[in-house]
Amino acid sequence: MKTVKDDCVEAYIYQEAKPGNHESGDVYYTFTNEDYFLCAIADGLGNGPIARESAEIVPEILERHHDESIDQLLSRCNMHMHQKRGAAVAIIKAYFKTSTIEYSCVGNVRFYLYRRSDDKMIYPLPVMGYLSGRPQKLRTQGFDYGPGDLFLLHSDGVDIRSPKAFMQNSAGPYDLYKKVHETLKHGDDATYITGSLLR
């Protein structure tokens, strides 16, 4: 388990490779400063080193250009996928001053935001497909959040039957982390990030 914790965000990250592989085809990235929190999961097509080669493009791009918009970041990632296997990629970016969170995804990486204030689960639908270097439609969506709201981002190696119940019944992001961990089948690459936005 990896942990990200400061005055603005508390997050817990889990990753495992498919049995028999030394490395996962999933890659994650987090970055936080006084203005925003950026978080992403990239799921390379297939598994193992070939999948990881595509997925690793994403943290490299985000590290260098984290101040850009999500659309700009995804477009950069897509451009660098040319002649590679490709990857499903989801990025979220929370802006602390406006208490808004933006999300965009191409492929099967899931995102859930649970707002405690109105007991509302937000589950934006991703764009179908994957980043491959070909022209790709993007759809960034924005939502308001409040202090203590929970989020969950996960690759398709994680299968959660009732995410809203999980999030409603979690005391915080670490409790949610443990609940998700109990559901893992341990048969595929799996990555998930649970977190709480504190301001």
N, C-alpha and C. Protein backbone atom coordinates (compact mmCIF):
# COMPACT_ATOMS: atom_id res chain seq x y z
N MET A 1 0.84 -1.20 0.00
CA MET A 1 0.00 0.00 0.00
C MET A 1 0.88 1.25 0.00
N LYS A 2 0.54 2.18 -0.89
CA LYS A 2 1.18 3.49 -0.92
C LYS A 2 0.19 4.51 -0.34
N THR A 3 0.72 5.52 0.29
CA THR A 3 -0.12 6.52 0.94
C THR A 3 0.25 7.93 0.47
N VAL A 4 -0.79 8.74 0.21
CA VAL A 4 -0.61 10.17 -0.07
C VAL A 4 -1.41 10.90 1.00
N LYS A 5 -0.74 11.75 1.78
CA LYS A 5 -1.46 12.40 2.88
C LYS A 5 -0.88 13.78 3.13
N ASP A 6 -1.74 14.80 3.05
CA ASP A 6 -1.36 16.15 3.42
C ASP A 6 -2.62 16.89 3.87
N ASP A 7 -2.58 18.22 3.90
CA ASP A 7 -3.72 18.99 4.38
C ASP A 7 -4.91 18.97 3.42
N CYS A 8 -4.68 18.55 2.19
CA CYS A 8 -5.71 18.66 1.16
C CYS A 8 -6.31 17.32 0.74
N VAL A 9 -5.54 16.27 0.82
CA VAL A 9 -6.00 14.96 0.33
C VAL A 9 -5.40 13.84 1.16
N GLU A 10 -6.17 12.77 1.30
CA GLU A 10 -5.69 11.54 1.92
C GLU A 10 -6.05 10.40 0.97
N ALA A 11 -5.06 9.67 0.50
CA ALA A 11 -5.32 8.64 -0.50
C ALA A 11 -4.47 7.40 -0.22
N TYR A 12 -5.03 6.24 -0.60
CA TYR A 12 -4.36 4.95 -0.42
C TYR A 12 -4.40 4.20 -1.75
N ILE A 13 -3.27 3.62 -2.11
CA ILE A 13 -3.10 3.04 -3.45
C ILE A 13 -2.67 1.59 -3.32
N TYR A 14 -3.33 0.73 -4.09
CA TYR A 14 -2.97 -0.69 -4.13
C TYR A 14 -2.73 -1.11 -5.58
N GLN A 15 -1.71 -1.94 -5.77
CA GLN A 15 -1.43 -2.46 -7.10
C GLN A 15 -0.87 -3.87 -7.00
N GLU A 16 -1.35 -4.74 -7.90
CA GLU A 16 -0.76 -6.08 -7.99
C GLU A 16 -0.73 -6.51 -9.45
N ALA A 17 0.24 -7.38 -9.76
CA ALA A 17 0.38 -7.91 -11.11
C ALA A 17 -0.39 -9.22 -11.24
N LYS A 18 -0.74 -9.55 -12.46
CA LYS A 18 -1.36 -10.85 -12.74
C LYS A 18 -0.42 -11.96 -12.29
N PRO A 19 -0.96 -13.01 -11.65
CA PRO A 19 -0.10 -14.10 -11.21
C PRO A 19 0.78 -14.63 -12.34
N GLY A 20 2.06 -14.80 -12.06
CA GLY A 20 3.01 -15.26 -13.06
C GLY A 20 3.79 -14.15 -13.74
N ASN A 21 3.32 -12.91 -13.57
CA ASN A 21 4.03 -11.76 -14.15
C ASN A 21 4.82 -11.03 -13.07
N HIS A 22 5.99 -10.55 -13.44
CA HIS A 22 6.82 -9.82 -12.48
C HIS A 22 6.37 -8.37 -12.32
N GLU A 23 5.71 -7.83 -13.33
CA GLU A 23 5.26 -6.45 -13.24
C GLU A 23 3.86 -6.30 -13.81
N SER A 24 3.17 -5.31 -13.28
CA SER A 24 1.80 -5.05 -13.70
C SER A 24 1.76 -4.24 -14.98
N GLY A 25 0.72 -4.46 -15.78
CA GLY A 25 0.47 -3.63 -16.96
C GLY A 25 -0.28 -2.35 -16.62
N ASP A 26 -0.64 -2.20 -15.33
CA ASP A 26 -1.26 -0.97 -14.84
C ASP A 26 -0.19 -0.05 -14.27
N VAL A 27 -0.41 1.25 -14.42
CA VAL A 27 0.47 2.25 -13.83
C VAL A 27 -0.42 3.34 -13.23
N TYR A 28 0.00 3.90 -12.10
CA TYR A 28 -0.76 5.00 -11.50
C TYR A 28 0.16 6.20 -11.30
N TYR A 29 -0.47 7.35 -11.06
CA TYR A 29 0.29 8.57 -10.81
C TYR A 29 -0.52 9.48 -9.91
N THR A 30 0.15 10.11 -8.95
CA THR A 30 -0.50 11.14 -8.13
C THR A 30 0.45 12.33 -7.99
N PHE A 31 -0.15 13.50 -7.90
CA PHE A 31 0.61 14.74 -7.67
C PHE A 31 -0.28 15.71 -6.92
N THR A 32 0.28 16.39 -5.95
CA THR A 32 -0.50 17.39 -5.23
C THR A 32 0.37 18.61 -4.94
N ASN A 33 -0.26 19.77 -5.04
CA ASN A 33 0.37 21.01 -4.60
C ASN A 33 -0.70 21.84 -3.90
N GLU A 34 -0.44 23.11 -3.65
CA GLU A 34 -1.40 23.91 -2.89
C GLU A 34 -2.66 24.23 -3.69
N ASP A 35 -2.64 24.03 -5.00
CA ASP A 35 -3.77 24.39 -5.85
C ASP A 35 -4.64 23.20 -6.28
N TYR A 36 -4.02 22.04 -6.51
CA TYR A 36 -4.79 20.92 -7.07
C TYR A 36 -4.14 19.58 -6.73
N PHE A 37 -4.98 18.55 -6.89
CA PHE A 37 -4.57 17.15 -6.75
C PHE A 37 -4.84 16.46 -8.07
N LEU A 38 -3.82 15.82 -8.61
CA LEU A 38 -3.93 15.13 -9.89
C LEU A 38 -3.69 13.65 -9.66
N CYS A 39 -4.53 12.82 -10.27
CA CYS A 39 -4.47 11.38 -10.02
C CYS A 39 -4.86 10.66 -11.31
N ALA A 40 -4.17 9.57 -11.62
CA ALA A 40 -4.47 8.84 -12.86
C ALA A 40 -4.16 7.36 -12.71
N ILE A 41 -4.88 6.56 -13.47
CA ILE A 41 -4.56 5.14 -13.66
C ILE A 41 -4.54 4.88 -15.16
N ALA A 42 -3.48 4.21 -15.61
CA ALA A 42 -3.38 3.77 -17.00
C ALA A 42 -3.29 2.25 -17.01
N ASP A 43 -4.14 1.62 -17.80
CA ASP A 43 -4.20 0.17 -17.92
C ASP A 43 -3.77 -0.20 -19.34
N GLY A 44 -2.51 -0.64 -19.47
CA GLY A 44 -1.99 -1.02 -20.78
C GLY A 44 -2.71 -2.24 -21.33
N LEU A 45 -2.95 -2.26 -22.63
CA LEU A 45 -3.64 -3.40 -23.24
C LEU A 45 -2.82 -4.67 -23.05
N GLY A 46 -3.50 -5.73 -22.65
CA GLY A 46 -2.81 -6.98 -22.34
C GLY A 46 -2.30 -6.93 -20.91
N ASN A 47 -1.17 -7.60 -20.68
CA ASN A 47 -0.57 -7.56 -19.35
C ASN A 47 0.94 -7.76 -19.47
N GLY A 48 1.64 -7.55 -18.37
CA GLY A 48 3.08 -7.73 -18.37
C GLY A 48 3.83 -6.57 -19.01
N PRO A 49 5.08 -6.81 -19.44
CA PRO A 49 5.96 -5.73 -19.91
C PRO A 49 5.43 -4.96 -21.12
N ILE A 50 4.79 -5.65 -22.07
CA ILE A 50 4.30 -4.96 -23.26
C ILE A 50 3.18 -3.99 -22.89
N ALA A 51 2.30 -4.43 -21.99
CA ALA A 51 1.22 -3.54 -21.53
C ALA A 51 1.80 -2.37 -20.74
N ARG A 52 2.80 -2.67 -19.92
CA ARG A 52 3.39 -1.62 -19.08
C ARG A 52 4.10 -0.55 -19.93
N GLU A 53 4.67 -0.96 -21.05
CA GLU A 53 5.36 -0.01 -21.91
C GLU A 53 4.42 1.12 -22.34
N SER A 54 3.19 0.76 -22.69
CA SER A 54 2.21 1.78 -23.07
C SER A 54 1.76 2.58 -21.86
N ALA A 55 1.45 1.88 -20.76
CA ALA A 55 0.91 2.56 -19.58
C ALA A 55 1.91 3.56 -18.99
N GLU A 56 3.20 3.26 -19.07
CA GLU A 56 4.20 4.11 -18.43
C GLU A 56 4.34 5.49 -19.10
N ILE A 57 3.79 5.62 -20.30
CA ILE A 57 3.79 6.93 -20.96
C ILE A 57 3.03 7.95 -20.12
N VAL A 58 1.97 7.51 -19.46
CA VAL A 58 1.06 8.42 -18.77
C VAL A 58 1.73 9.16 -17.61
N PRO A 59 2.34 8.46 -16.65
CA PRO A 59 3.00 9.22 -15.57
C PRO A 59 4.14 10.11 -16.07
N GLU A 60 4.82 9.70 -17.12
CA GLU A 60 5.89 10.54 -17.68
C GLU A 60 5.34 11.86 -18.19
N ILE A 61 4.20 11.80 -18.90
CA ILE A 61 3.56 13.01 -19.42
C ILE A 61 3.03 13.87 -18.28
N LEU A 62 2.35 13.24 -17.32
CA LEU A 62 1.74 13.99 -16.23
C LEU A 62 2.79 14.66 -15.34
N GLU A 63 3.91 14.01 -15.16
CA GLU A 63 4.98 14.58 -14.33
C GLU A 63 5.50 15.88 -14.94
N ARG A 64 5.58 15.90 -16.26
CA ARG A 64 6.14 17.09 -16.94
C ARG A 64 5.11 18.19 -17.17
N HIS A 65 3.83 17.82 -17.24
CA HIS A 65 2.81 18.80 -17.67
C HIS A 65 1.60 18.83 -16.73
N HIS A 66 1.79 18.58 -15.45
CA HIS A 66 0.66 18.45 -14.53
C HIS A 66 -0.18 19.72 -14.41
N ASP A 67 0.36 20.86 -14.83
CA ASP A 67 -0.40 22.11 -14.74
C ASP A 67 -1.41 22.26 -15.88
N GLU A 68 -1.36 21.40 -16.88
CA GLU A 68 -2.28 21.51 -18.02
C GLU A 68 -3.65 20.92 -17.70
N SER A 69 -4.61 21.19 -18.58
CA SER A 69 -5.96 20.64 -18.40
C SER A 69 -5.94 19.13 -18.67
N ILE A 70 -7.00 18.47 -18.23
CA ILE A 70 -7.09 17.02 -18.45
C ILE A 70 -7.13 16.70 -19.94
N ASP A 71 -7.87 17.48 -20.70
CA ASP A 71 -7.93 17.24 -22.15
C ASP A 71 -6.54 17.35 -22.79
N GLN A 72 -5.80 18.37 -22.38
CA GLN A 72 -4.45 18.53 -22.92
C GLN A 72 -3.56 17.34 -22.54
N LEU A 73 -3.69 16.90 -21.31
CA LEU A 73 -2.87 15.77 -20.84
C LEU A 73 -3.21 14.48 -21.59
N LEU A 74 -4.51 14.21 -21.76
CA LEU A 74 -4.92 13.00 -22.48
C LEU A 74 -4.50 13.07 -23.95
N SER A 75 -4.59 14.25 -24.54
CA SER A 75 -4.16 14.40 -25.93
C SER A 75 -2.66 14.14 -26.07
N ARG A 76 -1.88 14.63 -25.13
CA ARG A 76 -0.44 14.36 -25.15
C ARG A 76 -0.16 12.86 -25.00
N CYS A 77 -0.86 12.23 -24.06
CA CYS A 77 -0.68 10.79 -23.86
C CYS A 77 -1.03 10.02 -25.13
N ASN A 78 -2.14 10.39 -25.75
CA ASN A 78 -2.58 9.70 -26.96
C ASN A 78 -1.54 9.83 -28.07
N MET A 79 -0.98 11.02 -28.22
CA MET A 79 0.02 11.25 -29.27
C MET A 79 1.23 10.32 -29.08
N HIS A 80 1.61 10.08 -27.83
CA HIS A 80 2.78 9.25 -27.55
C HIS A 80 2.48 7.75 -27.59
N MET A 81 1.21 7.38 -27.79
CA MET A 81 0.84 5.96 -27.89
C MET A 81 1.05 5.42 -29.30
N HIS A 82 1.41 6.27 -30.24
CA HIS A 82 1.56 5.85 -31.63
C HIS A 82 2.54 4.68 -31.73
N GLN A 83 2.12 3.63 -32.43
CA GLN A 83 2.92 2.42 -32.66
C GLN A 83 3.20 1.64 -31.37
N LYS A 84 2.33 1.82 -30.38
CA LYS A 84 2.39 0.99 -29.17
C LYS A 84 1.05 0.28 -29.03
N ARG A 85 0.95 -0.62 -28.05
CA ARG A 85 -0.27 -1.39 -27.87
C ARG A 85 -1.45 -0.51 -27.50
N GLY A 86 -1.18 0.54 -26.73
CA GLY A 86 -2.25 1.43 -26.29
C GLY A 86 -2.63 1.17 -24.85
N ALA A 87 -3.48 2.05 -24.30
CA ALA A 87 -3.86 1.95 -22.90
C ALA A 87 -5.19 2.63 -22.65
N ALA A 88 -5.94 2.08 -21.69
CA ALA A 88 -7.09 2.78 -21.13
C ALA A 88 -6.56 3.72 -20.06
N VAL A 89 -7.03 4.96 -20.08
CA VAL A 89 -6.47 5.98 -19.18
C VAL A 89 -7.59 6.81 -18.57
N ALA A 90 -7.52 6.99 -17.25
CA ALA A 90 -8.43 7.89 -16.55
C ALA A 90 -7.61 8.88 -15.74
N ILE A 91 -8.03 10.14 -15.77
CA ILE A 91 -7.37 11.19 -15.01
C ILE A 91 -8.43 11.97 -14.24
N ILE A 92 -8.15 12.25 -12.96
CA ILE A 92 -8.99 13.16 -12.19
C ILE A 92 -8.11 14.29 -11.67
N LYS A 93 -8.72 15.47 -11.58
CA LYS A 93 -7.99 16.64 -11.08
C LYS A 93 -8.94 17.44 -10.20
N ALA A 94 -8.57 17.57 -8.92
CA ALA A 94 -9.38 18.31 -7.96
C ALA A 94 -8.75 19.68 -7.72
N TYR A 95 -9.55 20.71 -7.85
CA TYR A 95 -9.10 22.08 -7.63
C TYR A 95 -9.60 22.55 -6.26
N PHE A 96 -8.67 22.81 -5.35
CA PHE A 96 -9.04 23.06 -3.96
C PHE A 96 -9.76 24.40 -3.78
N LYS A 97 -9.38 25.42 -4.52
CA LYS A 97 -9.95 26.75 -4.31
C LYS A 97 -11.41 26.81 -4.74
N THR A 98 -11.79 26.03 -5.74
CA THR A 98 -13.17 26.04 -6.23
C THR A 98 -13.97 24.83 -5.76
N SER A 99 -13.31 23.88 -5.08
CA SER A 99 -13.96 22.63 -4.63
C SER A 99 -14.66 21.92 -5.78
N THR A 100 -13.93 21.83 -6.90
CA THR A 100 -14.45 21.11 -8.06
C THR A 100 -13.46 20.00 -8.44
N ILE A 101 -14.00 18.94 -8.99
CA ILE A 101 -13.17 17.84 -9.45
C ILE A 101 -13.54 17.53 -10.90
N GLU A 102 -12.53 17.38 -11.74
CA GLU A 102 -12.76 17.06 -13.14
C GLU A 102 -12.29 15.63 -13.41
N TYR A 103 -12.97 14.99 -14.34
CA TYR A 103 -12.66 13.59 -14.68
C TYR A 103 -12.79 13.40 -16.18
N SER A 104 -11.85 12.64 -16.72
CA SER A 104 -11.99 12.20 -18.10
C SER A 104 -11.34 10.83 -18.23
N CYS A 105 -11.93 9.99 -19.06
CA CYS A 105 -11.41 8.64 -19.22
C CYS A 105 -11.69 8.14 -20.63
N VAL A 106 -10.72 7.45 -21.18
CA VAL A 106 -10.92 6.68 -22.40
C VAL A 106 -10.61 5.24 -22.03
N GLY A 107 -11.64 4.39 -22.05
CA GLY A 107 -11.44 2.98 -21.70
C GLY A 107 -12.13 2.58 -20.41
N ASN A 108 -11.68 1.46 -19.86
CA ASN A 108 -12.42 0.80 -18.78
C ASN A 108 -11.83 1.03 -17.39
N VAL A 109 -11.36 2.23 -17.11
CA VAL A 109 -10.95 2.58 -15.75
C VAL A 109 -12.11 3.34 -15.11
N ARG A 110 -12.57 2.86 -13.96
CA ARG A 110 -13.79 3.39 -13.35
C ARG A 110 -13.48 4.44 -12.29
N PHE A 111 -14.39 5.43 -12.19
CA PHE A 111 -14.27 6.48 -11.19
C PHE A 111 -15.62 6.66 -10.49
N TYR A 112 -15.57 6.74 -9.16
CA TYR A 112 -16.77 7.02 -8.36
C TYR A 112 -16.45 8.15 -7.39
N LEU A 113 -17.39 9.05 -7.23
CA LEU A 113 -17.29 10.11 -6.23
C LEU A 113 -18.54 10.03 -5.35
N TYR A 114 -18.32 9.87 -4.05
CA TYR A 114 -19.46 9.82 -3.12
C TYR A 114 -19.51 11.11 -2.31
N ARG A 115 -20.59 11.87 -2.50
CA ARG A 115 -20.76 13.14 -1.79
C ARG A 115 -21.59 12.89 -0.52
N ARG A 116 -20.96 13.07 0.61
CA ARG A 116 -21.63 12.78 1.88
C ARG A 116 -22.77 13.76 2.15
N SER A 117 -22.62 15.01 1.72
CA SER A 117 -23.61 16.05 2.06
C SER A 117 -25.00 15.72 1.54
N ASP A 118 -25.10 15.16 0.34
CA ASP A 118 -26.41 14.83 -0.21
C ASP A 118 -26.56 13.34 -0.51
N ASP A 119 -25.65 12.52 0.05
CA ASP A 119 -25.72 11.06 -0.11
C ASP A 119 -25.82 10.67 -1.58
N LYS A 120 -25.03 11.36 -2.41
CA LYS A 120 -25.12 11.14 -3.85
C LYS A 120 -23.86 10.46 -4.37
N MET A 121 -24.06 9.42 -5.16
CA MET A 121 -22.96 8.75 -5.85
C MET A 121 -22.87 9.28 -7.27
N ILE A 122 -21.69 9.74 -7.63
CA ILE A 122 -21.47 10.22 -8.99
C ILE A 122 -20.59 9.19 -9.70
N TYR A 123 -21.09 8.69 -10.82
CA TYR A 123 -20.39 7.66 -11.59
C TYR A 123 -20.41 8.07 -13.05
N PRO A 124 -19.50 8.95 -13.46
CA PRO A 124 -19.49 9.39 -14.86
C PRO A 124 -19.05 8.27 -15.79
N LEU A 125 -19.70 8.16 -16.92
CA LEU A 125 -19.37 7.11 -17.88
C LEU A 125 -18.14 7.49 -18.69
N PRO A 126 -17.21 6.56 -18.85
CA PRO A 126 -16.03 6.85 -19.67
C PRO A 126 -16.35 6.81 -21.15
N VAL A 127 -15.44 7.34 -21.95
CA VAL A 127 -15.52 7.18 -23.40
C VAL A 127 -15.00 5.78 -23.73
N MET A 128 -15.71 5.09 -24.60
CA MET A 128 -15.29 3.74 -24.98
C MET A 128 -14.00 3.78 -25.80
N GLY A 129 -13.22 2.71 -25.71
CA GLY A 129 -12.02 2.60 -26.52
C GLY A 129 -10.76 2.65 -25.68
N TYR A 130 -9.69 3.15 -26.28
CA TYR A 130 -8.42 3.28 -25.58
C TYR A 130 -7.53 4.25 -26.36
N LEU A 131 -6.52 4.78 -25.68
CA LEU A 131 -5.58 5.67 -26.36
C LEU A 131 -4.61 4.84 -27.18
N SER A 132 -4.48 5.18 -28.45
CA SER A 132 -3.66 4.37 -29.36
C SER A 132 -2.88 5.20 -30.37
N GLY A 133 -2.96 6.52 -30.25
CA GLY A 133 -2.33 7.38 -31.24
C GLY A 133 -3.27 7.83 -32.33
N ARG A 134 -4.41 7.16 -32.47
CA ARG A 134 -5.42 7.58 -33.45
C ARG A 134 -6.25 8.73 -32.87
N PRO A 135 -6.89 9.53 -33.73
CA PRO A 135 -7.74 10.61 -33.22
C PRO A 135 -8.77 10.06 -32.24
N GLN A 136 -8.95 10.74 -31.11
CA GLN A 136 -9.79 10.22 -30.05
C GLN A 136 -10.67 11.32 -29.47
N LYS A 137 -11.97 11.06 -29.40
CA LYS A 137 -12.88 12.00 -28.74
C LYS A 137 -12.64 11.95 -27.23
N LEU A 138 -12.69 13.12 -26.60
CA LEU A 138 -12.52 13.21 -25.16
C LEU A 138 -13.75 13.89 -24.56
N ARG A 139 -14.05 13.54 -23.32
CA ARG A 139 -15.21 14.14 -22.65
C ARG A 139 -14.88 14.37 -21.18
N THR A 140 -14.43 15.57 -20.86
CA THR A 140 -14.13 15.91 -19.48
C THR A 140 -15.41 16.37 -18.79
N GLN A 141 -15.64 15.85 -17.58
CA GLN A 141 -16.82 16.20 -16.81
C GLN A 141 -16.38 16.79 -15.46
N GLY A 142 -17.14 17.76 -14.96
CA GLY A 142 -16.78 18.41 -13.71
C GLY A 142 -17.88 18.29 -12.68
N PHE A 143 -17.49 18.22 -11.39
CA PHE A 143 -18.44 18.05 -10.30
C PHE A 143 -17.97 18.84 -9.08
N ASP A 144 -18.91 19.28 -8.27
CA ASP A 144 -18.57 19.91 -7.00
C ASP A 144 -18.32 18.82 -5.96
N TYR A 145 -17.45 19.13 -5.01
CA TYR A 145 -17.24 18.21 -3.90
C TYR A 145 -17.15 19.01 -2.60
N GLY A 146 -17.30 18.31 -1.47
CA GLY A 146 -17.18 18.93 -0.16
C GLY A 146 -16.11 18.23 0.65
N PRO A 147 -15.67 18.86 1.74
CA PRO A 147 -14.64 18.24 2.58
C PRO A 147 -15.08 16.87 3.10
N GLY A 148 -14.22 15.89 2.94
CA GLY A 148 -14.52 14.54 3.42
C GLY A 148 -15.19 13.64 2.41
N ASP A 149 -15.55 14.17 1.24
CA ASP A 149 -16.13 13.31 0.21
C ASP A 149 -15.11 12.26 -0.24
N LEU A 150 -15.61 11.08 -0.57
CA LEU A 150 -14.75 9.96 -0.95
C LEU A 150 -14.71 9.77 -2.45
N PHE A 151 -13.55 9.31 -2.95
CA PHE A 151 -13.49 8.91 -4.35
C PHE A 151 -12.79 7.56 -4.47
N LEU A 152 -13.08 6.89 -5.57
CA LEU A 152 -12.47 5.60 -5.88
C LEU A 152 -12.19 5.56 -7.37
N LEU A 153 -10.97 5.21 -7.71
CA LEU A 153 -10.54 5.05 -9.10
C LEU A 153 -9.93 3.67 -9.21
N HIS A 154 -10.37 2.86 -10.20
CA HIS A 154 -9.81 1.51 -10.29
C HIS A 154 -9.77 0.98 -11.71
N SER A 155 -8.80 0.10 -11.95
CA SER A 155 -8.67 -0.58 -13.25
C SER A 155 -9.64 -1.76 -13.30
N ASP A 156 -9.72 -2.41 -14.47
CA ASP A 156 -10.73 -3.46 -14.64
C ASP A 156 -10.37 -4.76 -13.93
N GLY A 157 -9.20 -4.84 -13.32
CA GLY A 157 -8.87 -6.00 -12.48
C GLY A 157 -9.56 -5.97 -11.14
N VAL A 158 -10.26 -4.88 -10.85
CA VAL A 158 -11.05 -4.73 -9.62
C VAL A 158 -12.52 -4.76 -10.02
N ASP A 159 -13.31 -5.60 -9.35
CA ASP A 159 -14.72 -5.76 -9.69
C ASP A 159 -15.54 -5.55 -8.42
N ILE A 160 -16.24 -4.42 -8.34
CA ILE A 160 -17.02 -4.08 -7.15
C ILE A 160 -18.49 -4.09 -7.51
N ARG A 161 -19.26 -4.92 -6.83
CA ARG A 161 -20.67 -5.10 -7.16
C ARG A 161 -21.54 -3.94 -6.69
N SER A 162 -21.23 -3.37 -5.52
CA SER A 162 -22.09 -2.30 -4.99
C SER A 162 -21.23 -1.16 -4.45
N PRO A 163 -20.65 -0.39 -5.36
CA PRO A 163 -19.72 0.67 -4.92
C PRO A 163 -20.37 1.71 -4.01
N LYS A 164 -21.63 2.05 -4.25
CA LYS A 164 -22.26 3.07 -3.40
C LYS A 164 -22.36 2.58 -1.96
N ALA A 165 -22.76 1.32 -1.78
CA ALA A 165 -22.86 0.77 -0.42
C ALA A 165 -21.49 0.75 0.25
N PHE A 166 -20.48 0.36 -0.51
CA PHE A 166 -19.12 0.36 0.03
C PHE A 166 -18.74 1.75 0.54
N MET A 167 -19.04 2.76 -0.26
CA MET A 167 -18.62 4.12 0.08
C MET A 167 -19.48 4.71 1.20
N GLN A 168 -20.78 4.43 1.17
CA GLN A 168 -21.66 4.90 2.24
C GLN A 168 -21.23 4.35 3.59
N ASN A 169 -20.78 3.10 3.61
CA ASN A 169 -20.48 2.42 4.86
C ASN A 169 -19.01 2.51 5.27
N SER A 170 -18.25 3.34 4.58
CA SER A 170 -16.84 3.51 4.90
C SER A 170 -16.63 4.75 5.76
N ALA A 171 -15.89 4.58 6.84
CA ALA A 171 -15.62 5.70 7.74
C ALA A 171 -14.68 6.72 7.10
N GLY A 172 -13.88 6.27 6.15
CA GLY A 172 -12.93 7.15 5.48
C GLY A 172 -12.22 6.39 4.38
N PRO A 173 -11.22 7.00 3.75
CA PRO A 173 -10.57 6.36 2.60
C PRO A 173 -9.81 5.08 2.95
N TYR A 174 -9.25 4.99 4.15
CA TYR A 174 -8.54 3.76 4.50
C TYR A 174 -9.53 2.62 4.73
N ASP A 175 -10.65 2.91 5.35
CA ASP A 175 -11.70 1.90 5.53
C ASP A 175 -12.19 1.41 4.17
N LEU A 176 -12.39 2.34 3.23
CA LEU A 176 -12.79 1.97 1.88
C LEU A 176 -11.71 1.12 1.20
N TYR A 177 -10.46 1.49 1.39
CA TYR A 177 -9.33 0.72 0.85
C TYR A 177 -9.42 -0.74 1.30
N LYS A 178 -9.66 -0.94 2.60
CA LYS A 178 -9.73 -2.31 3.13
C LYS A 178 -10.92 -3.08 2.57
N LYS A 179 -12.05 -2.39 2.43
CA LYS A 179 -13.25 -3.06 1.89
C LYS A 179 -13.02 -3.51 0.44
N VAL A 180 -12.40 -2.65 -0.36
CA VAL A 180 -12.13 -3.02 -1.75
C VAL A 180 -11.13 -4.17 -1.80
N HIS A 181 -10.14 -4.13 -0.95
CA HIS A 181 -9.11 -5.18 -0.95
C HIS A 181 -9.72 -6.56 -0.69
N GLU A 182 -10.74 -6.61 0.14
CA GLU A 182 -11.39 -7.89 0.46
C GLU A 182 -12.11 -8.49 -0.75
N THR A 183 -12.42 -7.68 -1.76
CA THR A 183 -13.16 -8.17 -2.93
C THR A 183 -12.23 -8.70 -4.03
N LEU A 184 -10.92 -8.46 -3.94
CA LEU A 184 -10.01 -8.80 -5.03
C LEU A 184 -9.97 -10.30 -5.29
N LYS A 185 -9.96 -10.66 -6.58
CA LYS A 185 -9.89 -12.07 -6.98
C LYS A 185 -8.45 -12.52 -7.21
N HIS A 186 -7.52 -11.59 -7.33
CA HIS A 186 -6.08 -11.87 -7.50
C HIS A 186 -5.80 -12.71 -8.75
N GLY A 187 -6.54 -12.43 -9.85
CA GLY A 187 -6.32 -13.18 -11.08
C GLY A 187 -5.86 -12.33 -12.24
N ASP A 188 -5.68 -11.04 -12.01
CA ASP A 188 -5.34 -10.13 -13.11
C ASP A 188 -4.58 -8.93 -12.54
N ASP A 189 -4.01 -8.12 -13.44
CA ASP A 189 -3.48 -6.84 -12.99
C ASP A 189 -4.61 -6.08 -12.30
N ALA A 190 -4.32 -5.49 -11.16
CA ALA A 190 -5.34 -4.75 -10.43
C ALA A 190 -4.71 -3.55 -9.75
N THR A 191 -5.34 -2.40 -9.94
CA THR A 191 -4.88 -1.15 -9.32
C THR A 191 -6.10 -0.37 -8.87
N TYR A 192 -6.05 0.15 -7.66
CA TYR A 192 -7.12 1.06 -7.23
C TYR A 192 -6.57 2.11 -6.28
N ILE A 193 -7.26 3.24 -6.26
CA ILE A 193 -6.90 4.36 -5.41
C ILE A 193 -8.17 4.81 -4.70
N THR A 194 -8.15 4.79 -3.37
CA THR A 194 -9.24 5.35 -2.59
C THR A 194 -8.75 6.65 -1.95
N GLY A 195 -9.63 7.63 -1.87
CA GLY A 195 -9.16 8.90 -1.32
C GLY A 195 -10.29 9.75 -0.78
N SER A 196 -9.88 10.77 -0.03
CA SER A 196 -10.80 11.76 0.50
C SER A 196 -10.21 13.14 0.26
N LEU A 197 -11.04 14.04 -0.23
CA LEU A 197 -10.63 15.42 -0.45
C LEU A 197 -10.96 16.22 0.80
N LEU A 198 -9.96 16.78 1.44
CA LEU A 198 -10.13 17.35 2.77
C LEU A 198 -10.48 18.83 2.74
N ARG A 199 -10.26 19.48 1.60
CA ARG A 199 -10.67 20.90 1.49
C ARG A 199 -10.88 21.27 0.04
